[in-house]
Every structure is written in structure tokens, then in C-alpha cells.
Protein backbone atom coordinates (compact mmCIF):
# COMPACT_ATOMS: atom_id res chain seq x y z
CA MET A 1 -28.35 -4.46 78.42
CA CYS A 2 -31.64 -5.98 79.39
CA LEU A 3 -35.39 -5.49 77.88
CA ILE A 4 -36.46 -2.99 80.44
CA CYS A 5 -33.26 -0.80 79.59
CA ILE A 6 -33.81 -1.15 75.64
CA ASP A 7 -37.37 -0.52 75.90
CA MET A 8 -37.07 2.60 78.27
CA GLN A 9 -34.61 3.88 75.82
CA LYS A 10 -36.86 3.51 73.08
CA ASP A 11 -39.39 5.03 74.79
CA LYS A 12 -41.95 2.33 74.86
CA LEU A 13 -42.28 1.93 78.51
CA THR A 14 -43.51 4.47 81.25
CA SER A 15 -41.98 4.44 84.50
CA SER A 16 -44.59 2.07 86.39
CA GLU A 17 -44.62 -0.66 83.65
CA ALA A 18 -40.63 -0.48 84.04
CA ARG A 19 -41.15 -0.73 87.63
CA LYS A 20 -43.68 -3.81 87.12
CA ASN A 21 -41.23 -5.33 84.89
CA LEU A 22 -37.88 -4.70 87.06
CA GLU A 23 -40.13 -6.45 89.96
CA GLU A 24 -40.70 -9.42 88.07
CA THR A 25 -36.94 -9.89 86.47
CA HIS A 26 -34.68 -8.16 89.60
CA GLU A 27 -34.09 -11.92 90.69
CA THR A 28 -31.92 -12.47 87.38
CA MET A 29 -29.66 -9.38 87.67
CA SER A 30 -26.78 -8.12 89.64
CA LYS A 31 -27.56 -5.12 92.07
CA GLU A 32 -25.55 -2.98 89.80
CA HIS A 33 -27.65 -3.64 86.87
CA ILE A 34 -31.05 -3.04 89.06
CA PHE A 35 -29.31 0.39 90.23
CA GLU A 36 -28.66 1.24 86.77
CA VAL A 37 -32.38 0.28 85.59
CA LEU A 38 -33.83 2.29 88.91
CA LYS A 39 -31.73 5.41 87.70
CA LEU A 40 -33.46 5.07 84.33
CA ILE A 41 -37.03 4.60 86.24
CA TRP A 42 -36.11 7.75 87.92
CA LYS A 43 -35.26 9.70 85.10
CA LYS A 44 -38.34 8.60 83.52
CA GLU A 45 -40.35 9.33 86.21
CA SER A 46 -38.94 12.92 86.60
CA GLY A 47 -39.91 13.53 82.86
CA GLU A 48 -43.19 12.30 83.03
CA GLN A 49 -43.77 14.70 86.26
CA GLU A 50 -42.52 17.68 84.10
CA GLU A 51 -44.69 16.69 81.34
CA MET A 52 -47.75 16.69 83.89
CA TRP A 53 -46.85 19.96 85.35
CA SER A 54 -46.57 21.42 81.80
CA TRP A 55 -50.06 20.16 80.86
CA TYR A 56 -51.22 21.62 84.10
CA GLU A 57 -49.68 24.79 83.70
CA ASN A 58 -50.95 25.29 80.05
CA ASN A 59 -54.54 24.12 81.04
CA ASN A 60 -54.87 25.38 84.52
CA SER A 61 -56.96 28.57 83.33
CA GLU A 62 -60.12 26.14 82.21
CA TYR A 63 -60.09 25.04 86.27
CA GLU A 64 -59.53 28.17 87.75
CA ASP A 65 -61.99 29.62 89.91
CA THR A 66 -63.45 32.76 88.33
CA ASP A 67 -65.64 34.28 91.20
């Protein structure tokens, strides 16, 4: 297992940090492992988007127009 995978599983990297790390190290990885890392990144991105929507829904009343 690579450091990107380990750090993502420990929740030590954001999806954008993981993408940057993958860009820097992909040449040393097999195509199969690159795909596995991408799947982890996609899963992380999905979770980050859900967190943002949840925050927005919980805090939306502060920003709604009251006219």
C-alpha cells in the first residue's frame, strides 16, 4: 500500500492533497494501483461534497433573503 492510500485511510489528506500527491508519484505506480487511488479520491470527494451540502443546509437560514 502506498503513502497516499495510508494517509487517506487515516483521514490525513484532503482529496485535493491526494490528487496532488498522485500527480507527483503516478509514474512509479502500476495502472491498477493508480485506479485504486483514484477510487479512494473519488470516495473522499463525495464525502467532502456531502459535508459541504450538510453545512449549507444547516446554515442556509443566515443567508436567505427575508424580503
